[in-house]
């Protein structure tokens, strides 16, 4: 399927603005708001740390480009974008935020709307943050990612999707969530809560976009590393939470995207994961662009060759029979 770049850019830029007075309002005008939102966990299965209070913060002063973030997540959830004519494909998206918050618009709702227009049912994952005081904090993002995959598959009939065509995608620190799921989709990081937890958490395909991957201090994103594993982890802990050191032959097909000039998350994160994936013989496609910096999403690619990335991803998902 060929995509019109002008359509892509206009769709990306037509985002409503949330005023300062409305920062705490969650839903927005119809073009941006999800069609539904569901709790990730059964009632009472998780208990938020004492004193943790969610907050939505608007970072943009541009009336045409909302850029919200969600801090101190107490109710992990999936915001669902349902297409008018579902094609059976599903994608779970984990936005970034340096494990300090989860971005709402730029790396969540924008791509969700783009995929929805092409018949994909999309679930934007608002996952718990490891530095917020949860028990076993380093494992809560992975636990939420595993649970999201299982919950989505359990809803196949409700949402009109094929449980064998569920992909997972992550941006930046959400890319660390994604690549952890890539290599640890079957790790026991939580106790089952209901029948959905008997299903597989292995994605049928996985995309990581300018991802945080490694916990090696030489290339790690320092803020994400500190939030996830602390300031002075031992070697075993550093290895466990570095997906490039845990590549396996049965991991899902992987798609990587990174800009060479990314000064926030070094491109070596993706390069190392690509090499580790090739070494174990698992499927991999990687795209490295000269320019793009970090956090370009859809809106910040205008005039750059990297603007083509959604079409490249779409074609790859098609090649793996997801879409």
Foldseek 3Di string as FASTA:
>chain_A
DDDDLVVLQVLQQQDAEQDPVRQQPDADPPSQGFPDKDFLAPPPQFAAPPPQDKGKDWDDPDRRHTKIWIARDPTKIWRKHAAPAAPQFEEEEFEDDLLGIGIDRQRFRSVCSVVSPVRYIYIYIGWHRLQRDGVLSLCRLLVSLLSVLLVVLVCCVVRVHDNLQYEYEYEAQRLLSQLLCQQPQPPPPGDDRDPSNVDGSAHQEYEYELYQAALPVVQGQVSSNCRNQHDDHDPVSRLNSHSLNRAAQPGHAYEYEEECQAPRHHPVSVVSSVVSNVVRPHHYDYDYHPDDYGSCRQNNCPPHPCNCVVVVVVVVSVVSVSD
